[in-house]
Protein backbone atom coordinates (compact mmCIF):
# COMPACT_ATOMS: atom_id res chain seq x y z
CA UNK A 1 247.93 -84.13 -31.87
CA UNK A 2 244.68 -82.34 -32.49
CA UNK A 3 241.79 -83.99 -34.35
CA UNK A 4 241.02 -83.49 -38.01
CA UNK A 5 237.45 -82.30 -37.88
CA UNK A 6 237.27 -79.48 -40.38
CA UNK A 7 235.09 -76.69 -39.08
CA UNK A 8 236.02 -73.70 -41.22
CA UNK A 9 234.83 -73.54 -44.81
CA UNK A 10 236.98 -71.90 -47.46
CA UNK A 11 236.14 -68.20 -47.84
CA UNK A 12 234.50 -67.56 -51.22
CA UNK A 13 235.90 -64.08 -51.76
CA UNK A 14 239.31 -65.33 -50.63
CA UNK A 15 239.37 -68.02 -53.32
CA UNK A 16 238.15 -65.61 -56.00
CA UNK A 17 240.95 -63.19 -55.17
CA UNK A 18 243.50 -65.98 -55.19
CA UNK A 19 242.44 -66.85 -58.72
CA UNK A 20 243.73 -63.45 -59.81
CA UNK A 21 247.10 -63.13 -61.51
CA UNK A 22 249.05 -62.07 -58.46
CA UNK A 23 247.62 -64.32 -55.72
CA UNK A 24 248.49 -61.61 -53.24
CA UNK A 25 245.65 -61.15 -50.80
CA UNK A 26 244.18 -62.98 -47.78
CA UNK A 27 240.82 -62.15 -46.27
CA UNK A 28 237.85 -63.82 -44.57
CA UNK A 29 234.15 -63.72 -45.40
CA UNK A 30 231.01 -65.36 -44.11
CA UNK A 31 231.36 -69.12 -44.73
CA UNK A 32 227.61 -69.27 -45.45
CA UNK A 33 228.39 -67.70 -48.81
CA UNK A 34 229.83 -71.04 -49.91
CA UNK A 35 227.39 -73.22 -51.83
CA UNK A 36 228.98 -76.50 -52.97
CA UNK A 37 227.27 -77.95 -56.04
CA UNK A 38 229.50 -80.89 -56.99
CA UNK A 39 228.70 -84.49 -56.04
CA UNK A 40 231.27 -87.25 -55.95
CA UNK A 41 229.84 -88.61 -59.21
CA UNK A 42 230.11 -85.14 -60.76
CA UNK A 43 233.75 -85.01 -59.77
CA UNK A 44 234.44 -88.44 -61.24
CA UNK A 45 232.83 -87.50 -64.55
CA UNK A 46 234.58 -84.16 -64.76
CA UNK A 47 237.86 -85.80 -63.74
CA UNK A 48 237.49 -88.30 -66.59
CA UNK A 49 236.97 -85.50 -69.12
CA UNK A 50 239.90 -83.51 -67.77
CA UNK A 51 242.01 -86.66 -67.89
CA UNK A 52 241.21 -87.01 -71.59
CA UNK A 53 242.27 -83.44 -72.23
CA UNK A 54 245.46 -83.42 -70.17
CA UNK A 55 246.70 -86.75 -71.52
CA UNK A 56 246.17 -85.49 -75.07
CA UNK A 57 248.65 -82.66 -74.50
CA UNK A 58 252.01 -82.84 -76.22
CA UNK A 59 253.88 -82.66 -72.91
CA UNK A 60 252.09 -85.65 -71.38
CA UNK A 61 254.50 -88.44 -70.50
CA UNK A 62 252.76 -91.74 -71.20
CA UNK A 63 253.01 -94.85 -69.00
CA UNK A 64 253.81 -96.78 -72.18
CA UNK A 65 256.96 -94.69 -72.65
CA UNK A 66 257.89 -94.51 -68.96
CA UNK A 67 256.77 -97.80 -67.39
CA UNK A 68 259.31 -97.70 -64.55
CA UNK A 69 258.32 -94.17 -63.58
CA UNK A 70 254.60 -94.88 -63.60
CA UNK A 71 255.06 -98.18 -61.84
CA UNK A 72 256.72 -96.38 -58.97
CA UNK A 73 254.23 -93.48 -58.90
CA UNK A 74 251.30 -95.89 -58.98
CA UNK A 75 252.71 -97.76 -55.99
CA UNK A 76 253.02 -94.56 -53.97
CA UNK A 77 249.57 -93.40 -55.08
CA UNK A 78 248.08 -96.73 -53.98
CA UNK A 79 249.67 -96.40 -50.53
CA UNK A 80 248.13 -92.95 -50.11
CA UNK A 81 244.79 -94.18 -51.43
CA UNK A 82 244.51 -96.91 -48.80
CA UNK A 83 244.49 -94.27 -46.05
CA UNK A 84 241.85 -91.98 -47.56
CA UNK A 85 238.18 -92.02 -46.70
CA UNK A 86 237.12 -92.06 -50.35
CA UNK A 87 239.06 -95.17 -51.33
CA UNK A 88 236.74 -96.73 -53.88
CA UNK A 89 234.77 -93.72 -55.11
CA UNK A 90 237.67 -92.12 -56.98
CA UNK A 91 240.00 -93.51 -59.63
CA UNK A 92 243.34 -92.60 -58.08
CA UNK A 93 245.92 -92.27 -60.83
CA UNK A 94 249.18 -90.33 -61.41
CA UNK A 95 249.72 -88.09 -64.44
CA UNK A 96 253.16 -86.73 -65.35
CA UNK A 97 253.63 -83.66 -67.54
CA UNK A 98 256.99 -82.61 -68.98
CA UNK A 99 257.11 -79.05 -67.71
CA UNK A 100 259.70 -76.66 -66.28
CA UNK A 101 257.16 -75.44 -63.74
CA UNK A 102 257.55 -76.99 -60.30
CA UNK A 103 254.00 -77.99 -59.54
CA UNK A 104 251.62 -80.76 -58.49
CA UNK A 105 247.86 -80.72 -57.99
CA UNK A 106 244.77 -82.90 -57.78
CA UNK A 107 242.12 -83.19 -60.48
CA UNK A 108 238.53 -84.07 -59.63
CA UNK A 109 238.06 -87.78 -59.12
CA UNK A 110 241.48 -88.48 -57.60
CA UNK A 111 243.80 -87.88 -60.55
CA UNK A 112 247.18 -86.59 -59.33
CA UNK A 113 249.14 -84.36 -61.71
CA UNK A 114 252.84 -83.68 -61.17
CA UNK A 115 255.40 -82.06 -63.44
CA UNK A 116 258.72 -83.60 -64.44
CA UNK A 117 260.57 -80.66 -62.90
CA UNK A 118 258.81 -81.14 -59.56
CA UNK A 119 259.75 -84.83 -59.62
CA UNK A 120 263.37 -83.83 -60.22
CA UNK A 121 263.26 -81.27 -57.40
CA UNK A 122 262.05 -83.94 -54.98
CA UNK A 123 264.93 -86.12 -53.83
CA UNK A 124 263.40 -89.26 -52.36
CA UNK A 125 260.37 -91.48 -52.10
CA UNK A 126 259.34 -90.24 -48.67
CA UNK A 127 259.26 -86.66 -49.96
CA UNK A 128 257.02 -87.71 -52.84
CA UNK A 129 254.75 -89.61 -50.44
CA UNK A 130 254.43 -86.54 -48.21
CA UNK A 131 253.53 -84.36 -51.17
CA UNK A 132 250.91 -86.81 -52.46
CA UNK A 133 249.44 -87.39 -49.00
CA UNK A 134 249.20 -83.65 -48.41
CA UNK A 135 247.30 -83.01 -51.65
CA UNK A 136 245.01 -86.02 -51.11
CA UNK A 137 243.63 -84.18 -48.08
CA UNK A 138 242.10 -81.56 -50.33
CA UNK A 139 239.76 -84.11 -51.90
CA UNK A 140 239.45 -86.58 -49.02
CA UNK A 141 236.66 -84.80 -47.19
CA UNK A 142 233.02 -85.56 -46.45
CA UNK A 143 232.29 -82.10 -47.83
CA UNK A 144 235.21 -82.07 -50.16
CA UNK A 145 237.26 -78.93 -50.55
CA UNK A 146 237.53 -79.62 -54.26
CA UNK A 147 233.77 -79.24 -54.56
CA UNK A 148 234.02 -75.69 -53.29
CA UNK A 149 236.87 -74.99 -55.67
CA UNK A 150 235.02 -76.48 -58.63
CA UNK A 151 231.92 -74.50 -57.77
CA UNK A 152 233.98 -71.33 -58.04
CA UNK A 153 235.50 -72.49 -61.32
CA UNK A 154 232.06 -73.16 -62.75
CA UNK A 155 230.92 -69.70 -61.77
CA UNK A 156 233.96 -68.15 -63.42
CA UNK A 157 233.22 -70.06 -66.63
CA UNK A 158 229.51 -69.31 -66.56
CA UNK A 159 229.65 -66.32 -68.89
CA UNK A 160 231.90 -68.18 -71.33
CA UNK A 161 229.54 -71.15 -71.34
CA UNK A 162 226.57 -68.95 -72.12
CA UNK A 163 228.45 -67.05 -74.81
CA UNK A 164 229.32 -70.26 -76.60
CA UNK A 165 225.73 -71.48 -76.37
CA UNK A 166 226.27 -74.79 -74.65
CA UNK A 167 223.09 -74.53 -72.59
CA UNK A 168 222.01 -73.85 -69.02
CA UNK A 169 223.62 -76.57 -66.89
CA UNK A 170 227.16 -75.44 -66.14
CA UNK A 171 228.34 -78.89 -65.11
CA UNK A 172 226.91 -80.62 -68.19
CA UNK A 173 228.31 -77.84 -70.36
CA UNK A 174 231.77 -78.43 -68.92
CA UNK A 175 231.56 -82.17 -69.51
CA UNK A 176 230.30 -81.78 -73.06
CA UNK A 177 232.11 -78.55 -73.81
CA UNK A 178 235.14 -77.82 -75.90
CA UNK A 179 238.65 -78.83 -74.91
CA UNK A 180 239.42 -75.11 -74.77
CA UNK A 181 237.00 -74.72 -71.89
CA UNK A 182 238.35 -77.77 -70.11
CA UNK A 183 241.89 -76.47 -70.52
CA UNK A 184 240.74 -73.34 -68.69
CA UNK A 185 239.55 -75.55 -65.85
CA UNK A 186 242.94 -77.26 -65.80
CA UNK A 187 244.60 -73.86 -65.63
CA UNK A 188 242.53 -72.85 -62.62
CA UNK A 189 243.24 -76.11 -60.83
CA UNK A 190 246.99 -75.86 -61.43
CA UNK A 191 247.00 -72.41 -59.80
CA UNK A 192 244.58 -73.25 -57.00
CA UNK A 193 245.61 -71.67 -53.70
CA UNK A 194 244.64 -72.99 -50.28
CA UNK A 195 244.18 -70.96 -47.15
CA UNK A 196 246.50 -71.23 -44.17
CA UNK A 197 244.20 -73.25 -41.92
CA UNK A 198 243.52 -75.84 -44.60
CA UNK A 199 247.24 -76.23 -45.34
CA UNK A 200 247.92 -76.71 -41.65
CA UNK A 201 245.25 -79.41 -41.47
CA UNK A 202 246.70 -81.11 -44.56
CA UNK A 203 250.12 -81.12 -42.91
CA UNK A 204 248.61 -82.68 -39.78
CA UNK A 205 246.80 -85.25 -41.87
CA UNK A 206 250.02 -86.17 -43.69
CA UNK A 207 251.99 -86.52 -40.46
CA UNK A 208 249.35 -88.72 -38.87
CA UNK A 209 249.11 -90.91 -41.98
CA UNK A 210 252.86 -91.50 -41.98
CA UNK A 211 253.31 -91.97 -38.24
CA UNK A 212 250.41 -94.39 -37.80
CA UNK A 213 250.60 -96.46 -40.96
CA UNK A 214 254.06 -96.36 -42.55
CA UNK A 215 257.76 -96.40 -41.77
CA UNK A 216 258.59 -93.43 -43.98
CA UNK A 217 260.56 -90.60 -42.46
CA UNK A 218 258.09 -87.84 -41.48
CA UNK A 219 260.55 -85.16 -42.62
CA UNK A 220 259.54 -85.18 -46.29
CA UNK A 221 257.70 -81.87 -46.48
CA UNK A 222 260.23 -80.17 -44.19
CA UNK A 223 263.04 -81.24 -46.51
CA UNK A 224 261.19 -79.83 -49.52
CA UNK A 225 260.76 -76.54 -47.66
CA UNK A 226 264.40 -76.51 -46.57
CA UNK A 227 265.63 -77.11 -50.10
CA UNK A 228 263.31 -74.38 -51.40
CA UNK A 229 264.66 -71.92 -48.84
CA UNK A 230 268.19 -72.53 -50.10
CA UNK A 231 267.42 -71.87 -53.75
CA UNK A 232 268.53 -68.69 -55.47
CA UNK A 233 266.25 -65.69 -55.15
CA UNK A 234 263.49 -65.77 -57.74
CA UNK A 235 263.41 -69.57 -57.92
CA UNK A 236 259.70 -70.34 -58.04
CA UNK A 237 258.14 -73.50 -56.65
CA UNK A 238 254.47 -73.21 -57.53
CA UNK A 239 253.37 -76.09 -55.32
CA UNK A 240 254.76 -74.37 -52.22
CA UNK A 241 253.64 -70.87 -53.12
CA UNK A 242 250.03 -72.04 -53.32
CA UNK A 243 250.21 -73.85 -49.96
CA UNK A 244 249.62 -71.50 -48.22
CA UNK A 245 249.33 -68.72 -50.79
CA UNK A 246 250.14 -65.78 -48.55
CA UNK A 247 253.57 -66.86 -47.38
CA UNK A 248 255.16 -66.02 -50.73
CA UNK A 249 254.20 -62.34 -50.48
CA UNK A 250 253.74 -61.70 -46.77
CA UNK A 251 256.08 -63.20 -44.18
CA UNK A 252 253.73 -62.10 -41.37
CA UNK A 253 250.72 -63.95 -42.78
CA UNK A 254 249.17 -66.80 -40.78
CA UNK A 255 251.17 -70.01 -41.12
CA UNK A 256 254.07 -68.35 -42.89
CA UNK A 257 257.00 -70.22 -44.43
CA UNK A 258 258.94 -70.40 -41.14
CA UNK A 259 255.81 -71.19 -39.12
CA UNK A 260 255.14 -74.12 -41.38
CA UNK A 261 258.66 -75.52 -41.00
CA UNK A 262 258.45 -75.28 -37.21
CA UNK A 263 255.00 -76.87 -37.09
CA UNK A 264 256.09 -79.73 -39.33
CA UNK A 265 259.02 -80.43 -37.02
CA UNK A 266 256.64 -80.57 -34.05
CA UNK A 267 254.30 -82.92 -35.89
CA UNK A 268 257.17 -85.20 -36.89
CA UNK A 269 258.02 -85.70 -33.21
CA UNK A 270 254.92 -87.92 -32.89
CA UNK A 271 256.48 -90.55 -35.16
CA UNK A 272 258.39 -93.47 -33.71
CA UNK A 273 262.07 -94.29 -33.94
CA UNK A 274 261.40 -96.72 -36.80
CA UNK A 275 260.17 -93.99 -39.14
CA UNK A 276 263.40 -93.61 -41.07
CA UNK A 277 262.64 -95.03 -44.54
CA UNK A 278 263.42 -92.62 -47.40
CA UNK A 279 263.64 -94.83 -50.51
CA UNK A 280 266.14 -92.34 -51.87
CA UNK A 281 268.22 -94.75 -53.97
CA UNK A 282 265.20 -96.28 -55.67
CA UNK A 283 263.69 -92.85 -56.25
CA UNK A 284 266.85 -91.51 -57.89
CA UNK A 285 266.93 -94.54 -60.20
CA UNK A 286 263.33 -93.98 -61.23
CA UNK A 287 263.68 -90.22 -61.79
CA UNK A 288 266.75 -90.76 -63.92
CA UNK A 289 264.43 -92.09 -66.63
CA UNK A 290 262.78 -88.68 -67.05
CA UNK A 291 263.64 -86.63 -70.15
């Protein structure tokens, strides 16, 4: 299995294009154009503000109302957290939204958002673990990918910030700004697309985490892909379409849908014979509590 040293920065123009409505283009630019501006502390502070906004939404499912669900999600989140490099610097925490969209994504500071429909689409604990582990890779970096993404978001909001007269510091303006602005940030994060190489590395990272530290079956992501492939035409799974973004519109793109399935099967071969745990029965019991 190859190492995890990340040597290619996310193309700036590529990310800007992927923020467009159609998410339908892949291109490379000079990586020197990237200029990360977010520190870990910045991410924690922004994550706390976004947490306040997202948990105030009417579709937020509270731990007080769904203790069994959050108990289970917190356990899985904690297992993922123990394998990340930034264990104590982020407040790792699950957030569930009642939503028909099939999606999951990370907020700054380690908050993990997943929709009720995505939880229902997933069929077992090992699939959920694979999904969480995969997305943790996007923030578990020395030069975190989320910093690049948030830098782009701040640039996109720059004109709006100035129009509303918040001041000159974009980060401070976002922290102190209106909930409307922060909801825009949430919207960008929920639609964030990741390039093919980064998705491949996240898949490698997930496989290694499972094979070396747990007894979960390594087939979780493959099973999600297989189920997606057998859905009726037009069935949209946002989490998959954004990882990698091009596969949904171009079957010949790098690391296409089929390429990813084949690669995941190869990676799973590194696991031992004891990696068979799925936690399916427990998972089904927990998900049955969802509205």
